[in-house]
């Protein structure tokens, strides 16, 4: 439909937050959205889940259960109560 989306990201010092800015252009309309996302390491995420009462936390690199390593597409945590 001719809509154009632009995205800009910047990482704050310490790699704990990523700030994003999205600009959406639809004809003459321009909309800008700003957001911030908190980033956790696998160790931080595991510790948070265990401190919240989960008994076990496994970390994977994708939804198929591959290892969380330098080839990982994402961080996936599976926690058991």
N, C-alpha and C. Protein backbone atom coordinates (compact mmCIF):
# COMPACT_ATOMS: atom_id res chain seq x y z
N UNK A 1 0.81 -1.21 0.00
CA UNK A 1 0.00 0.00 0.00
C UNK A 1 0.85 1.26 0.00
N UNK A 2 2.16 1.12 -0.17
CA UNK A 2 3.04 2.28 -0.22
C UNK A 2 3.55 2.74 1.13
N UNK A 3 3.20 2.05 2.19
CA UNK A 3 3.68 2.43 3.52
C UNK A 3 5.18 2.14 3.63
N UNK A 4 5.91 3.08 4.21
CA UNK A 4 7.35 2.93 4.40
C UNK A 4 7.65 2.95 5.89
N UNK A 5 8.41 1.97 6.37
CA UNK A 5 8.79 1.91 7.78
C UNK A 5 10.30 2.02 7.92
N UNK A 6 10.73 2.90 8.80
CA UNK A 6 12.15 3.09 9.07
C UNK A 6 12.40 2.77 10.55
N UNK A 7 13.53 2.16 10.84
CA UNK A 7 13.85 1.81 12.22
C UNK A 7 15.28 2.21 12.53
N UNK A 8 15.47 2.78 13.72
CA UNK A 8 16.79 3.16 14.19
C UNK A 8 16.94 2.60 15.61
N UNK A 9 18.05 1.95 15.89
CA UNK A 9 18.29 1.40 17.22
C UNK A 9 19.64 1.88 17.74
N UNK A 10 19.72 2.07 19.05
CA UNK A 10 21.00 2.38 19.68
C UNK A 10 21.05 1.66 21.02
N UNK A 11 22.24 1.18 21.34
CA UNK A 11 22.45 0.45 22.58
C UNK A 11 23.06 1.40 23.60
N UNK A 12 22.48 1.43 24.80
CA UNK A 12 23.03 2.27 25.86
C UNK A 12 24.31 1.64 26.42
N UNK A 13 25.17 2.46 27.01
CA UNK A 13 26.38 1.91 27.64
C UNK A 13 26.01 0.82 28.67
N UNK A 14 26.79 -0.24 28.69
CA UNK A 14 26.52 -1.35 29.58
C UNK A 14 25.67 -2.44 28.94
N UNK A 15 25.14 -2.21 27.76
CA UNK A 15 24.35 -3.19 27.00
C UNK A 15 23.14 -3.69 27.78
N UNK A 16 22.54 -2.86 28.61
CA UNK A 16 21.34 -3.28 29.35
C UNK A 16 20.05 -2.80 28.71
N UNK A 17 20.13 -1.75 27.91
CA UNK A 17 18.94 -1.18 27.26
C UNK A 17 19.21 -0.91 25.79
N UNK A 18 18.19 -1.15 24.97
CA UNK A 18 18.24 -0.78 23.56
C UNK A 18 17.10 0.22 23.32
N UNK A 19 17.46 1.38 22.82
CA UNK A 19 16.45 2.40 22.50
C UNK A 19 16.14 2.33 21.01
N UNK A 20 14.87 2.36 20.70
CA UNK A 20 14.45 2.27 19.31
C UNK A 20 13.58 3.44 18.91
N UNK A 21 13.65 3.76 17.64
CA UNK A 21 12.78 4.79 17.06
C UNK A 21 12.27 4.26 15.75
N UNK A 22 10.97 4.21 15.63
CA UNK A 22 10.33 3.77 14.38
C UNK A 22 9.63 4.97 13.77
N UNK A 23 9.78 5.13 12.46
CA UNK A 23 9.07 6.16 11.71
C UNK A 23 8.26 5.46 10.64
N UNK A 24 6.97 5.72 10.62
CA UNK A 24 6.08 5.11 9.64
C UNK A 24 5.52 6.21 8.76
N UNK A 25 5.71 6.07 7.45
CA UNK A 25 5.24 7.05 6.48
C UNK A 25 4.14 6.42 5.64
N UNK A 26 2.96 7.02 5.71
CA UNK A 26 1.81 6.58 4.90
C UNK A 26 1.29 7.79 4.15
N UNK A 27 1.65 7.88 2.91
CA UNK A 27 1.24 9.06 2.13
C UNK A 27 1.81 10.31 2.77
N UNK A 28 0.94 11.24 3.16
CA UNK A 28 1.35 12.49 3.80
C UNK A 28 1.49 12.34 5.31
N UNK A 29 1.05 11.22 5.86
CA UNK A 29 1.09 11.01 7.31
C UNK A 29 2.44 10.47 7.75
N UNK A 30 2.92 10.99 8.88
CA UNK A 30 4.17 10.54 9.48
C UNK A 30 3.90 10.25 10.94
N UNK A 31 4.24 9.04 11.38
CA UNK A 31 4.06 8.65 12.78
C UNK A 31 5.41 8.19 13.32
N UNK A 32 5.75 8.66 14.51
CA UNK A 32 7.01 8.27 15.14
C UNK A 32 6.72 7.59 16.47
N UNK A 33 7.38 6.46 16.68
CA UNK A 33 7.21 5.69 17.91
C UNK A 33 8.58 5.48 18.53
N UNK A 34 8.69 5.76 19.81
CA UNK A 34 9.94 5.53 20.54
C UNK A 34 9.69 4.49 21.61
N UNK A 35 10.67 3.59 21.78
CA UNK A 35 10.53 2.56 22.80
C UNK A 35 11.90 2.16 23.31
N UNK A 36 11.92 1.58 24.50
CA UNK A 36 13.14 1.07 25.10
C UNK A 36 12.90 -0.37 25.54
N UNK A 37 13.89 -1.21 25.31
CA UNK A 37 13.79 -2.62 25.64
C UNK A 37 14.94 -2.99 26.57
N UNK A 38 14.61 -3.63 27.69
CA UNK A 38 15.62 -4.08 28.64
C UNK A 38 16.21 -5.39 28.14
N UNK A 39 17.53 -5.48 28.11
CA UNK A 39 18.20 -6.70 27.66
C UNK A 39 18.79 -7.41 28.88
N UNK A 40 18.59 -8.73 28.93
CA UNK A 40 19.13 -9.54 30.01
C UNK A 40 20.09 -10.58 29.43
N UNK A 41 21.15 -10.85 30.15
CA UNK A 41 22.01 -11.98 29.78
C UNK A 41 21.30 -13.25 30.21
N UNK A 42 21.77 -14.39 29.72
CA UNK A 42 21.14 -15.65 30.12
C UNK A 42 21.30 -15.88 31.62
N UNK A 43 22.44 -15.49 32.17
CA UNK A 43 22.65 -15.63 33.62
C UNK A 43 21.71 -14.77 34.43
N UNK A 44 21.51 -13.52 34.00
CA UNK A 44 20.57 -12.63 34.70
C UNK A 44 19.15 -13.17 34.64
N UNK A 45 18.76 -13.62 33.45
CA UNK A 45 17.40 -14.13 33.28
C UNK A 45 17.18 -15.38 34.12
N UNK A 46 18.13 -16.28 34.12
CA UNK A 46 18.03 -17.50 34.93
C UNK A 46 17.91 -17.13 36.41
N UNK A 47 18.75 -16.23 36.88
CA UNK A 47 18.71 -15.82 38.29
C UNK A 47 17.37 -15.18 38.66
N UNK A 48 16.84 -14.34 37.79
CA UNK A 48 15.54 -13.72 38.06
C UNK A 48 14.42 -14.76 38.16
N UNK A 49 14.42 -15.73 37.24
CA UNK A 49 13.39 -16.75 37.25
C UNK A 49 13.50 -17.66 38.47
N UNK A 50 14.73 -18.02 38.86
CA UNK A 50 14.91 -18.83 40.05
C UNK A 50 14.50 -18.07 41.30
N UNK A 51 14.83 -16.78 41.37
CA UNK A 51 14.45 -15.97 42.54
C UNK A 51 12.94 -15.74 42.60
N UNK A 52 12.25 -15.89 41.46
CA UNK A 52 10.79 -15.75 41.43
C UNK A 52 10.09 -17.04 41.84
N UNK A 53 10.87 -18.10 42.10
CA UNK A 53 10.28 -19.33 42.60
C UNK A 53 10.30 -20.51 41.65
N UNK A 54 10.82 -20.34 40.45
CA UNK A 54 10.91 -21.47 39.54
C UNK A 54 12.01 -22.41 40.02
N UNK A 55 11.81 -23.71 39.87
CA UNK A 55 12.76 -24.69 40.39
C UNK A 55 13.86 -25.04 39.38
N UNK A 56 13.59 -24.84 38.14
CA UNK A 56 14.55 -25.19 37.08
C UNK A 56 14.39 -24.24 35.92
N UNK A 57 15.52 -23.84 35.32
CA UNK A 57 15.50 -22.96 34.15
C UNK A 57 16.51 -23.49 33.14
N UNK A 58 16.03 -23.78 31.94
CA UNK A 58 16.91 -24.19 30.84
C UNK A 58 16.95 -23.07 29.81
N UNK A 59 18.13 -22.84 29.25
CA UNK A 59 18.34 -21.76 28.28
C UNK A 59 18.67 -22.37 26.92
N UNK A 60 18.03 -21.86 25.88
CA UNK A 60 18.24 -22.33 24.50
C UNK A 60 18.50 -21.15 23.57
N UNK A 61 19.01 -21.47 22.40
CA UNK A 61 19.34 -20.45 21.41
C UNK A 61 18.27 -20.22 20.36
N UNK A 62 17.22 -21.03 20.39
CA UNK A 62 16.09 -20.84 19.48
C UNK A 62 14.91 -21.68 19.98
N UNK A 63 13.80 -21.59 19.29
CA UNK A 63 12.60 -22.31 19.71
C UNK A 63 12.69 -23.81 19.46
N UNK A 64 13.67 -24.24 18.67
CA UNK A 64 13.86 -25.67 18.41
C UNK A 64 14.72 -26.34 19.49
N UNK A 65 15.25 -25.55 20.42
CA UNK A 65 16.02 -26.12 21.52
C UNK A 65 17.51 -26.26 21.27
N UNK A 66 18.03 -25.56 20.27
CA UNK A 66 19.47 -25.59 20.02
C UNK A 66 20.21 -24.82 21.12
N UNK A 67 21.50 -25.09 21.27
CA UNK A 67 22.27 -24.43 22.34
C UNK A 67 22.28 -22.90 22.20
N UNK A 68 22.37 -22.24 23.35
CA UNK A 68 22.53 -20.78 23.36
C UNK A 68 24.03 -20.52 23.27
N UNK A 69 24.50 -20.21 22.06
CA UNK A 69 25.91 -19.96 21.83
C UNK A 69 26.07 -18.81 20.84
N UNK A 70 27.25 -18.67 20.26
CA UNK A 70 27.49 -17.54 19.34
C UNK A 70 26.74 -17.67 18.03
N UNK A 71 26.06 -18.80 17.79
CA UNK A 71 25.25 -18.97 16.58
C UNK A 71 23.75 -18.82 16.87
N UNK A 72 23.42 -18.52 18.11
CA UNK A 72 22.00 -18.46 18.52
C UNK A 72 21.26 -17.33 17.82
N UNK A 73 20.01 -17.60 17.47
CA UNK A 73 19.15 -16.58 16.88
C UNK A 73 18.46 -15.73 17.93
N UNK A 74 18.29 -16.31 19.12
CA UNK A 74 17.62 -15.59 20.20
C UNK A 74 17.92 -16.30 21.51
N UNK A 75 17.45 -15.71 22.60
CA UNK A 75 17.55 -16.31 23.93
C UNK A 75 16.17 -16.80 24.33
N UNK A 76 16.07 -18.10 24.58
CA UNK A 76 14.81 -18.71 24.99
C UNK A 76 15.02 -19.35 26.36
N UNK A 77 14.19 -18.98 27.32
CA UNK A 77 14.26 -19.56 28.66
C UNK A 77 13.00 -20.40 28.89
N UNK A 78 13.20 -21.63 29.37
CA UNK A 78 12.09 -22.50 29.74
C UNK A 78 12.21 -22.76 31.23
N UNK A 79 11.18 -22.39 31.98
CA UNK A 79 11.23 -22.48 33.44
C UNK A 79 10.12 -23.38 33.96
N UNK A 80 10.45 -24.16 34.99
CA UNK A 80 9.48 -25.05 35.62
C UNK A 80 9.20 -24.58 37.04
N UNK A 81 7.94 -24.70 37.43
CA UNK A 81 7.53 -24.31 38.79
C UNK A 81 7.86 -25.40 39.77
